[in-house]
């Protein structure tokens, strides 16, 4: 059975073939989380049954050995689920099965944000009052599920949030939508954790500043958000942007142009690490057109390709949209959707100076 979200992703991939839908990556993200905390080795923590759905998004951790994620499809009405599993693979449970309709979301495409105090926040790409997606909250024991916002599209609202939420301070949550806004090409929005204070901070314009926001946002904790647009910009190959948490000072930090010296189609979000540095990946471009791993300053300066993916047994190809994680030692970890010995993808590590891939 084909899910609505898979259809949406397939439609996006038809327009932007570098951006690929690849279900089932969450176990690799668990490995990345383990690697970042000093563990090693590949262990399958859970095999998903068809009735639970496709897990495609990164996992959230509460720091106490519990992981939380979402599936697209599955559940009692095949509209997706929220699940939990312990870091040793035990304790798997479905916390919520989405039903769609006016009072519930459906088809979550993003991971969850752990807001502390046993509370999770997330988005669905459909469902809600206008079937344009929702922002929701739920407690880590499965209680207290609540729709905080139903998207309706149009100039004053977004439509179809695909990226995860990020928090700043004790009240604000920030996210992106794939469509909606003044120009119809997506938005950056904010909402308070009790569901009040919703506002569109920026509406994207295809050629001017980007479009098709797939990844979530990163915050510096000091009032600035950073993100990527998967397409659009001067060369229609995506952008990196920043915007204040109050909607001010929207700035294009980089417009991708493809070719050997640049990436194209940034698929995931950004990792803020080091003083004033952002790390990310693109699905295309680079020396062998297999995607890139890049660094750029928070002021837009110092853009550099740290690695160009080329496929083959000893390299990855088309790095995935789950983004990067960093270990306590400062090493970056990520995944690719192709390449490796069997051509089915890789887990890789690289230092922040581009060495040690």
Protein backbone atom coordinates (compact mmCIF):
# COMPACT_ATOMS: atom_id res chain seq x y z
CA UNK A 1 0.00 0.00 0.00
CA UNK A 2 1.41 3.38 -0.98
CA UNK A 3 1.17 6.11 1.63
CA UNK A 4 0.20 9.71 0.98
CA UNK A 5 3.59 10.86 2.18
CA UNK A 6 5.40 8.46 -0.14
CA UNK A 7 3.36 9.88 -3.01
CA UNK A 8 4.30 13.41 -1.97
CA UNK A 9 7.96 12.47 -1.71
CA UNK A 10 7.85 10.72 -5.06
CA UNK A 11 6.34 13.81 -6.65
CA UNK A 12 9.10 15.95 -5.18
CA UNK A 13 11.72 13.50 -6.43
CA UNK A 14 10.28 13.72 -9.93
CA UNK A 15 10.97 17.46 -9.91
CA UNK A 16 14.26 17.24 -8.02
CA UNK A 17 15.70 13.76 -8.71
CA UNK A 18 18.63 14.19 -6.31
CA UNK A 19 16.26 14.33 -3.35
CA UNK A 20 15.31 10.75 -2.68
CA UNK A 21 12.73 9.05 -0.45
CA UNK A 22 14.44 6.25 1.45
CA UNK A 23 12.35 4.60 4.18
CA UNK A 24 13.86 2.63 6.99
CA UNK A 25 16.84 4.83 7.86
CA UNK A 26 16.05 5.24 11.55
CA UNK A 27 18.13 2.23 12.64
CA UNK A 28 21.17 3.86 11.04
CA UNK A 29 20.42 7.07 12.91
CA UNK A 30 20.41 5.01 16.09
CA UNK A 31 23.87 3.77 15.18
CA UNK A 32 24.95 7.37 14.63
CA UNK A 33 23.66 8.32 18.07
CA UNK A 34 25.54 5.36 19.56
CA UNK A 35 28.72 6.29 17.70
CA UNK A 36 28.49 9.87 18.92
CA UNK A 37 28.43 8.61 22.51
CA UNK A 38 31.35 6.25 22.12
CA UNK A 39 29.59 2.97 21.26
CA UNK A 40 30.62 0.88 18.27
CA UNK A 41 29.32 -1.88 16.03
CA UNK A 42 26.10 -2.25 14.08
CA UNK A 43 23.14 -3.68 15.98
CA UNK A 44 19.59 -3.87 14.70
CA UNK A 45 17.42 -2.59 17.52
CA UNK A 46 14.02 -3.23 15.97
CA UNK A 47 12.53 -4.66 12.76
CA UNK A 48 9.43 -2.75 11.65
CA UNK A 49 6.39 -4.73 10.59
CA UNK A 50 4.27 -3.43 7.70
CA UNK A 51 1.47 -2.55 10.13
CA UNK A 52 3.76 -0.08 11.94
CA UNK A 53 4.87 1.78 8.80
CA UNK A 54 8.05 3.23 7.32
CA UNK A 55 10.45 4.96 9.74
CA UNK A 56 12.28 7.60 7.73
CA UNK A 57 13.19 10.35 10.20
CA UNK A 58 15.99 10.78 12.77
CA UNK A 59 15.38 9.71 16.34
CA UNK A 60 15.08 11.93 19.39
CA UNK A 61 16.75 10.95 22.65
CA UNK A 62 15.74 11.97 26.16
CA UNK A 63 19.29 11.43 27.42
CA UNK A 64 18.14 8.60 29.67
CA UNK A 65 18.41 5.71 27.22
CA UNK A 66 15.05 6.16 25.50
CA UNK A 67 14.63 6.91 21.79
CA UNK A 68 11.53 8.34 20.10
CA UNK A 69 10.54 8.41 16.44
CA UNK A 70 7.79 8.51 13.86
CA UNK A 71 6.61 6.35 11.00
CA UNK A 72 4.86 7.35 7.83
CA UNK A 73 1.97 4.95 7.33
CA UNK A 74 1.16 2.10 9.65
CA UNK A 75 -0.99 2.18 12.72
CA UNK A 76 -4.67 1.33 13.01
CA UNK A 77 -5.69 3.53 10.05
CA UNK A 78 -2.37 3.52 8.15
CA UNK A 79 -1.80 7.22 8.86
CA UNK A 80 1.46 6.85 10.79
CA UNK A 81 2.65 6.41 14.36
CA UNK A 82 4.82 7.77 17.16
CA UNK A 83 6.96 5.09 18.80
CA UNK A 84 9.54 4.61 21.50
CA UNK A 85 12.32 2.07 21.96
CA UNK A 86 15.18 1.82 24.42
CA UNK A 87 18.75 2.20 23.23
CA UNK A 88 19.33 -1.53 23.83
CA UNK A 89 16.39 -2.44 21.56
CA UNK A 90 13.95 -3.38 24.30
CA UNK A 91 10.70 -1.72 25.23
CA UNK A 92 9.38 -0.93 21.75
CA UNK A 93 5.91 0.59 21.96
CA UNK A 94 3.59 2.66 19.81
CA UNK A 95 2.71 5.83 21.73
CA UNK A 96 0.18 7.19 19.24
CA UNK A 97 -1.43 5.99 16.00
CA UNK A 98 -2.48 8.91 13.81
CA UNK A 99 -6.00 8.83 12.38
CA UNK A 100 -6.05 11.94 10.18
CA UNK A 101 -9.21 13.98 9.85
CA UNK A 102 -9.99 17.27 11.55
CA UNK A 103 -8.82 16.27 15.02
CA UNK A 104 -5.57 14.46 14.25
CA UNK A 105 -2.58 14.57 11.96
CA UNK A 106 -1.35 12.01 9.46
CA UNK A 107 1.90 11.02 7.76
CA UNK A 108 4.68 12.52 9.92
CA UNK A 109 7.80 12.93 7.79
CA UNK A 110 10.05 14.48 10.45
CA UNK A 111 11.56 13.38 13.70
CA UNK A 112 10.51 14.61 17.13
CA UNK A 113 11.84 17.39 19.34
CA UNK A 114 12.37 16.50 23.01
CA UNK A 115 11.43 19.60 24.96
CA UNK A 116 12.38 18.33 28.40
CA UNK A 117 10.00 17.46 31.24
CA UNK A 118 8.93 14.28 29.39
CA UNK A 119 7.30 16.23 26.53
CA UNK A 120 7.76 15.68 22.78
CA UNK A 121 6.79 17.97 19.91
CA UNK A 122 6.43 17.15 16.22
CA UNK A 123 4.77 17.81 12.88
CA UNK A 124 2.65 15.87 10.43
CA UNK A 125 2.57 16.57 6.70
CA UNK A 126 -1.20 16.04 6.47
CA UNK A 127 -4.32 15.92 8.58
CA UNK A 128 -5.78 18.65 10.73
CA UNK A 129 -8.52 21.16 9.97
CA UNK A 130 -7.57 21.61 6.30
CA UNK A 131 -5.58 18.40 5.72
CA UNK A 132 -2.46 20.57 5.33
CA UNK A 133 -0.56 19.25 8.33
CA UNK A 134 -0.23 19.91 12.05
CA UNK A 135 2.04 20.72 14.97
CA UNK A 136 1.43 18.38 17.91
CA UNK A 137 2.65 17.54 21.38
CA UNK A 138 2.66 14.28 23.33
CA UNK A 139 4.19 13.07 26.57
CA UNK A 140 6.87 10.38 26.48
CA UNK A 141 4.47 7.87 28.06
CA UNK A 142 1.93 8.40 25.25
CA UNK A 143 -0.47 10.55 27.23
CA UNK A 144 -1.46 14.15 26.61
CA UNK A 145 -1.55 14.09 22.80
CA UNK A 146 -2.74 17.46 21.51
CA UNK A 147 -2.85 19.31 18.19
CA UNK A 148 -1.25 22.71 18.76
CA UNK A 149 -1.78 24.07 15.24
CA UNK A 150 -3.55 22.99 12.05
CA UNK A 151 -2.05 24.45 8.89
CA UNK A 152 -4.47 25.90 6.34
CA UNK A 153 -2.09 27.28 3.70
CA UNK A 154 -2.39 30.71 2.15
CA UNK A 155 -0.39 33.88 2.71
CA UNK A 156 -0.68 33.88 6.50
CA UNK A 157 0.05 30.22 7.12
CA UNK A 158 2.20 27.35 5.90
CA UNK A 159 1.24 24.02 4.41
CA UNK A 160 2.71 20.52 4.75
CA UNK A 161 5.55 20.74 7.29
CA UNK A 162 8.23 18.20 6.34
CA UNK A 163 10.99 19.24 8.74
CA UNK A 164 11.40 18.73 12.46
CA UNK A 165 10.85 21.41 15.08
CA UNK A 166 13.59 23.10 17.07
CA UNK A 167 13.22 24.95 20.34
CA UNK A 168 14.83 28.09 21.71
CA UNK A 169 14.31 29.22 25.26
CA UNK A 170 11.46 27.78 27.27
CA UNK A 171 8.52 28.74 25.08
CA UNK A 172 9.29 29.10 21.38
CA UNK A 173 9.24 26.31 18.80
CA UNK A 174 10.37 26.93 15.23
CA UNK A 175 9.86 24.99 12.02
CA UNK A 176 9.44 25.08 8.26
CA UNK A 177 6.72 24.17 5.79
CA UNK A 178 7.14 22.69 2.34
CA UNK A 179 4.45 24.92 0.81
CA UNK A 180 2.31 27.91 1.76
CA UNK A 181 3.16 31.48 2.64
CA UNK A 182 2.81 34.61 0.52
CA UNK A 183 4.43 33.06 -2.57
CA UNK A 184 3.40 29.46 -2.00
CA UNK A 185 6.97 28.10 -1.74
CA UNK A 186 7.17 27.43 1.98
CA UNK A 187 7.69 29.25 5.25
CA UNK A 188 9.62 29.55 8.48
CA UNK A 189 7.21 29.72 11.43
CA UNK A 190 7.16 29.99 15.21
CA UNK A 191 4.68 28.78 17.78
CA UNK A 192 4.63 28.73 21.58
CA UNK A 193 4.69 25.36 23.30
CA UNK A 194 1.10 25.81 24.47
CA UNK A 195 -0.09 26.37 20.89
CA UNK A 196 -0.44 30.14 21.10
CA UNK A 197 1.59 32.79 19.29
CA UNK A 198 1.72 31.16 15.86
CA UNK A 199 3.36 33.42 13.28
CA UNK A 200 4.95 33.11 9.84
CA UNK A 201 8.46 34.55 10.16
CA UNK A 202 9.41 34.31 6.47
CA UNK A 203 7.74 33.33 3.20
CA UNK A 204 10.04 31.86 0.55
CA UNK A 205 10.12 33.10 -3.04
CA UNK A 206 11.40 30.55 -5.56
CA UNK A 207 14.16 32.48 -7.35
CA UNK A 208 14.86 35.07 -4.68
CA UNK A 209 15.66 32.97 -1.65
CA UNK A 210 14.84 29.30 -2.21
CA UNK A 211 11.97 26.84 -2.08
CA UNK A 212 10.97 23.34 -1.02
CA UNK A 213 12.14 23.20 2.57
CA UNK A 214 12.77 19.55 3.47
CA UNK A 215 15.19 19.77 6.41
CA UNK A 216 14.52 21.38 9.73
CA UNK A 217 16.16 24.37 11.37
CA UNK A 218 19.20 24.83 13.59
CA UNK A 219 19.40 27.50 16.28
CA UNK A 220 22.47 29.15 17.76
CA UNK A 221 20.62 29.70 21.02
CA UNK A 222 21.12 33.44 20.68
CA UNK A 223 18.21 34.45 18.49
CA UNK A 224 19.21 33.21 15.03
CA UNK A 225 17.88 30.24 13.04
CA UNK A 226 19.73 28.52 10.18
CA UNK A 227 18.39 26.22 7.49
CA UNK A 228 18.55 25.00 3.91
CA UNK A 229 16.14 25.22 1.00
CA UNK A 230 16.31 22.15 -1.24
CA UNK A 231 15.78 24.08 -4.46
CA UNK A 232 15.45 27.63 -5.75
CA UNK A 233 17.90 30.48 -5.51
CA UNK A 234 19.79 32.04 -8.40
CA UNK A 235 20.74 28.69 -9.95
CA UNK A 236 17.66 26.78 -8.77
CA UNK A 237 19.88 24.35 -6.86
CA UNK A 238 19.15 25.36 -3.29
CA UNK A 239 20.28 27.82 -0.64
CA UNK A 240 21.51 28.21 2.93
CA UNK A 241 19.77 30.93 4.94
CA UNK A 242 19.55 32.54 8.36
CA UNK A 243 16.70 34.44 10.00
CA UNK A 244 16.11 35.90 13.43
CA UNK A 245 13.71 34.16 15.79
CA UNK A 246 11.57 37.31 15.52
CA UNK A 247 11.55 37.10 11.69
CA UNK A 248 14.10 39.87 11.19
CA UNK A 249 17.38 39.85 9.27
CA UNK A 250 16.63 37.14 6.73
CA UNK A 251 19.93 36.51 4.92
CA UNK A 252 21.06 34.17 2.16
CA UNK A 253 24.36 32.72 3.35
CA UNK A 254 25.03 30.65 0.21
CA UNK A 255 23.34 29.89 -3.11
CA UNK A 256 24.35 26.51 -4.52
CA UNK A 257 25.46 26.36 -8.13
CA UNK A 258 26.51 22.75 -8.61
CA UNK A 259 29.68 21.71 -10.41
CA UNK A 260 32.97 20.46 -9.00
CA UNK A 261 33.45 23.35 -6.59
CA UNK A 262 29.97 23.48 -5.13
CA UNK A 263 27.08 21.29 -4.06
CA UNK A 264 23.47 21.21 -5.21
CA UNK A 265 20.14 20.30 -3.60
CA UNK A 266 20.84 20.38 0.16
CA UNK A 267 18.63 17.60 1.46
CA UNK A 268 19.00 17.82 5.22
CA UNK A 269 19.37 20.42 7.90
CA UNK A 270 22.53 21.99 9.29
CA UNK A 271 24.72 21.13 12.27
CA UNK A 272 25.96 24.12 14.27
CA UNK A 273 29.35 23.21 15.72
CA UNK A 274 32.59 25.03 16.43
CA UNK A 275 32.54 28.79 16.83
CA UNK A 276 30.49 30.24 14.01
CA UNK A 277 30.53 27.14 11.77
CA UNK A 278 27.67 25.26 10.09
CA UNK A 279 28.06 21.79 8.56
CA UNK A 280 25.71 20.17 6.06
CA UNK A 281 25.36 17.93 3.02
CA UNK A 282 24.00 18.16 -0.51
CA UNK A 283 22.54 15.36 -2.59
CA UNK A 284 24.29 16.50 -5.78
CA UNK A 285 27.27 18.48 -7.00
CA UNK A 286 30.90 18.10 -6.02
CA UNK A 287 33.85 16.76 -8.00
CA UNK A 288 32.03 13.56 -8.98
CA UNK A 289 28.43 14.82 -8.80
CA UNK A 290 27.69 12.39 -6.00
CA UNK A 291 26.94 15.00 -3.37
CA UNK A 292 29.04 16.91 -0.88
CA UNK A 293 29.74 17.58 2.77
CA UNK A 294 30.38 21.28 3.34
CA UNK A 295 31.12 23.89 5.99
CA UNK A 296 30.10 27.55 5.95
CA UNK A 297 30.38 30.33 8.49
CA UNK A 298 27.28 31.63 10.22
CA UNK A 299 27.99 34.92 8.44
CA UNK A 300 28.08 33.15 5.04
CA UNK A 301 31.85 33.34 4.71
CA UNK A 302 34.37 30.53 4.43
CA UNK A 303 32.23 28.15 2.37
CA UNK A 304 34.25 25.01 1.69
CA UNK A 305 33.61 21.52 0.35
CA UNK A 306 35.12 19.09 2.87
CA UNK A 307 34.29 15.94 0.91
CA UNK A 308 32.91 15.14 -2.55
CA UNK A 309 31.10 11.81 -2.63
CA UNK A 310 31.85 9.58 -5.59
CA UNK A 311 30.34 6.18 -4.85
CA UNK A 312 32.15 2.89 -5.28
CA UNK A 313 33.20 0.42 -2.58
CA UNK A 314 35.19 2.93 -0.54
CA UNK A 315 32.89 5.94 -0.67
CA UNK A 316 29.27 6.90 -0.32
CA UNK A 317 26.96 8.47 -2.87
CA UNK A 318 24.10 10.94 -2.35
CA UNK A 319 24.30 11.61 1.39
CA UNK A 320 20.96 11.15 3.12
CA UNK A 321 18.61 13.75 4.48
CA UNK A 322 18.96 12.77 8.13
CA UNK A 323 21.80 15.24 8.59
CA UNK A 324 24.95 14.98 10.67
CA UNK A 325 25.70 14.23 14.31
CA UNK A 326 28.91 15.04 16.18
CA UNK A 327 30.76 12.99 18.79
CA UNK A 328 32.23 14.25 22.04
CA UNK A 329 35.61 14.09 20.31
CA UNK A 330 34.41 16.43 17.57
CA UNK A 331 34.09 13.89 14.74
CA UNK A 332 31.15 14.12 12.34
CA UNK A 333 28.99 11.11 11.44
CA UNK A 334 26.48 10.76 8.61
CA UNK A 335 24.92 8.35 6.15
CA UNK A 336 24.63 8.04 2.38
CA UNK A 337 21.82 6.45 0.41
CA UNK A 338 24.16 4.86 -2.14
CA UNK A 339 27.73 3.68 -2.54
CA UNK A 340 29.67 1.24 -0.39
CA UNK A 341 30.54 -2.37 -1.14
CA UNK A 342 27.01 -3.33 -2.19
CA UNK A 343 25.90 0.07 -3.48
CA UNK A 344 23.21 0.35 -0.82
CA UNK A 345 24.66 3.14 1.28
CA UNK A 346 27.19 3.77 3.99
CA UNK A 347 27.78 5.14 7.47
CA UNK A 348 30.79 7.48 7.44
CA UNK A 349 32.86 9.63 9.74
CA UNK A 350 34.96 12.67 8.94
CA UNK A 351 36.81 15.30 10.95
CA UNK A 352 35.64 18.88 10.88
CA UNK A 353 38.71 19.87 8.84
CA UNK A 354 37.80 17.34 6.13
CA UNK A 355 40.47 14.78 7.03
CA UNK A 356 40.01 11.19 8.17
CA UNK A 357 37.05 10.27 5.95
